[in-house]
C-alpha atoms as a PDB file:
ATOM      1  CA  MET A   1    -123.690-125.733  45.989  1.00  0.00           C
ATOM      2  CA  GLU A   2    -123.410-129.732  44.808  1.00  0.00           C
ATOM      3  CA  ARG A   3    -122.540-128.156  41.424  1.00  0.00           C
ATOM      4  CA  THR A   4    -119.645-126.707  42.606  1.00  0.00           C
ATOM      5  CA  ILE A   5    -117.964-129.448  43.427  1.00  0.00           C
ATOM      6  CA  SER A   6    -119.580-130.972  40.293  1.00  0.00           C
ATOM      7  CA  PHE A   7    -117.960-128.930  38.031  1.00  0.00           C
ATOM      8  CA  ALA A   8    -114.820-128.923  39.951  1.00  0.00           C
ATOM      9  CA  ILE A   9    -114.192-132.796  39.901  1.00  0.00           C
ATOM     10  CA  SER A  10    -115.575-132.422  35.942  1.00  0.00           C
ATOM     11  CA  GLY A  11    -113.083-129.708  35.381  1.00  0.00           C
ATOM     12  CA  ALA A  12    -110.512-131.626  36.964  1.00  0.00           C
ATOM     13  CA  VAL A  13    -111.150-135.037  35.423  1.00  0.00           C
ATOM     14  CA  VAL A  14    -111.292-133.252  31.729  1.00  0.00           C
ATOM     15  CA  ALA A  15    -107.603-132.135  32.668  1.00  0.00           C
ATOM     16  CA  ILE A  16    -106.264-135.201  33.875  1.00  0.00           C
ATOM     17  CA  LYS A  17    -107.441-137.007  30.603  1.00  0.00           C
ATOM     18  CA  ALA A  18    -105.673-134.385  28.880  1.00  0.00           C
ATOM     19  CA  LYS A  19    -102.636-135.249  30.489  1.00  0.00           C
ATOM     20  CA  PHE A  20    -102.181-131.416  32.058  1.00  0.00           C
ATOM     21  CA  ASP A  21     -99.217-130.877  35.634  1.00  0.00           C
ATOM     22  CA  LEU A  22    -101.153-130.206  38.270  1.00  0.00           C
ATOM     23  CA  PHE A  23    -100.457-126.897  37.888  1.00  0.00           C
ATOM     24  CA  GLY A  24    -103.582-127.301  34.674  1.00  0.00           C
ATOM     25  CA  VAL A  25    -105.667-129.792  36.732  1.00  0.00           C
ATOM     26  CA  ALA A  26    -106.317-127.359  39.476  1.00  0.00           C
ATOM     27  CA  PHE A  27    -106.866-124.371  37.250  1.00  0.00           C
ATOM     28  CA  VAL A  28    -109.169-126.135  34.518  1.00  0.00           C
ATOM     29  CA  GLY A  29    -111.313-127.235  37.590  1.00  0.00           C
ATOM     30  CA  VAL A  30    -111.476-123.931  39.923  1.00  0.00           C
ATOM     31  CA  ILE A  31    -112.134-122.513  36.766  1.00  0.00           C
ATOM     32  CA  THR A  32    -115.301-124.628  34.752  1.00  0.00           C
ATOM     33  CA  ALA A  33    -116.531-124.749  38.729  1.00  0.00           C
ATOM     34  CA  MET A  34    -116.471-120.743  39.393  1.00  0.00           C
ATOM     35  CA  GLY A  35    -117.173-120.037  35.618  1.00  0.00           C
ATOM     36  CA  GLY A  36    -120.069-121.647  35.724  1.00  0.00           C
ATOM     37  CA  GLY A  37    -121.859-120.417  39.134  1.00  0.00           C
ATOM     38  CA  ILE A  38    -120.909-116.945  37.822  1.00  0.00           C
ATOM     39  CA  VAL A  39    -122.435-117.358  34.446  1.00  0.00           C
ATOM     40  CA  ARG A  40    -125.869-118.983  36.273  1.00  0.00           C
ATOM     41  CA  ASP A  41    -125.531-115.921  38.296  1.00  0.00           C
ATOM     42  CA  ILE A  42    -125.284-113.561  35.887  1.00  0.00           C
ATOM     43  CA  LEU A  43    -128.310-114.846  33.444  1.00  0.00           C
ATOM     44  CA  ILE A  44    -130.726-115.261  36.784  1.00  0.00           C
ATOM     45  CA  GLY A  45    -129.775-111.278  37.264  1.00  0.00           C
ATOM     46  CA  ARG A  46    -127.741-111.984  40.743  1.00  0.00           C
ATOM     47  CA  TYR A  47    -125.046-109.393  41.354  1.00  0.00           C
ATOM     48  CA  PRO A  48    -122.828-109.451  42.547  1.00  0.00           C
ATOM     49  CA  PRO A  49    -122.151-113.323  41.925  1.00  0.00           C
ATOM     50  CA  ALA A  50    -122.065-115.471  44.933  1.00  0.00           C
ATOM     51  CA  VAL A  51    -118.551-116.422  44.259  1.00  0.00           C
ATOM     52  CA  PHE A  52    -116.921-113.064  44.399  1.00  0.00           C
ATOM     53  CA  THR A  53    -119.288-112.563  48.087  1.00  0.00           C
ATOM     54  CA  ASN A  54    -118.946-116.722  49.377  1.00  0.00           C
ATOM     55  CA  PHE A  55    -115.243-117.245  49.888  1.00  0.00           C
ATOM     56  CA  TYR A  56    -116.716-121.211  50.930  1.00  0.00           C
ATOM     57  CA  ILE A  57    -117.255-121.648  47.172  1.00  0.00           C
ATOM     58  CA  PHE A  58    -113.920-121.398  46.735  1.00  0.00           C
ATOM     59  CA  LEU A  59    -112.710-123.376  49.659  1.00  0.00           C
ATOM     60  CA  ILE A  60    -115.579-126.322  48.649  1.00  0.00           C
ATOM     61  CA  THR A  61    -114.019-125.647  44.800  1.00  0.00           C
ATOM     62  CA  VAL A  62    -110.434-126.916  46.241  1.00  0.00           C
ATOM     63  CA  ILE A  63    -111.524-129.184  48.433  1.00  0.00           C
ATOM     64  CA  SER A  64    -113.760-131.403  45.684  1.00  0.00           C
ATOM     65  CA  LEU A  65    -109.915-130.876  42.944  1.00  0.00           C
ATOM     66  CA  LEU A  66    -108.673-132.567  45.532  1.00  0.00           C
ATOM     67  CA  ILE A  67    -110.428-135.037  46.064  1.00  0.00           C
ATOM     68  CA  GLY A  68    -111.090-135.625  42.589  1.00  0.00           C
ATOM     69  CA  ILE A  69    -107.126-135.584  41.740  1.00  0.00           C
ATOM     70  CA  ASP A  70    -106.722-138.009  44.549  1.00  0.00           C
ATOM     71  CA  GLY A  71    -109.951-140.242  43.124  1.00  0.00           C
ATOM     72  CA  LEU A  72    -108.883-140.421  39.898  1.00  0.00           C
ATOM     73  CA  LYS A  73    -104.806-141.286  40.880  1.00  0.00           C
ATOM     74  CA  ILE A  74    -106.297-143.854  42.985  1.00  0.00           C
ATOM     75  CA  GLN A  75    -108.364-145.351  39.631  1.00  0.00           C
ATOM     76  CA  LYS A  76    -105.317-145.441  37.578  1.00  0.00           C
ATOM     77  CA  THR A  77    -103.221-146.995  40.480  1.00  0.00           C
ATOM     78  CA  LYS A  78    -106.091-149.643  40.477  1.00  0.00           C
ATOM     79  CA  GLN A  79    -106.065-150.246  36.433  1.00  0.00           C
ATOM     80  CA  GLN A  80    -102.375-150.273  36.513  1.00  0.00           C
ATOM     81  CA  LEU A  81    -102.620-153.515  39.067  1.00  0.00           C
ATOM     82  CA  ILE A  82    -105.240-155.457  36.547  1.00  0.00           C
END
């Protein structure tokens, strides 16, 4: 679960630094989080991957993206004030 959160936030951070729009940031964050989980499940032999059987993983990904985007906006605002 915590890996999904970290992958979602790291994907969002990379997309924001690449100056993607909000949809691009959300897309890259979701693909990073979900893709990592799918690859992991396939490599360990878990079928179907947890992403397809557990709705909470998608919900956690979206919440993590919102937190990551908001955190970067706050950081950007602080840097502008300095």
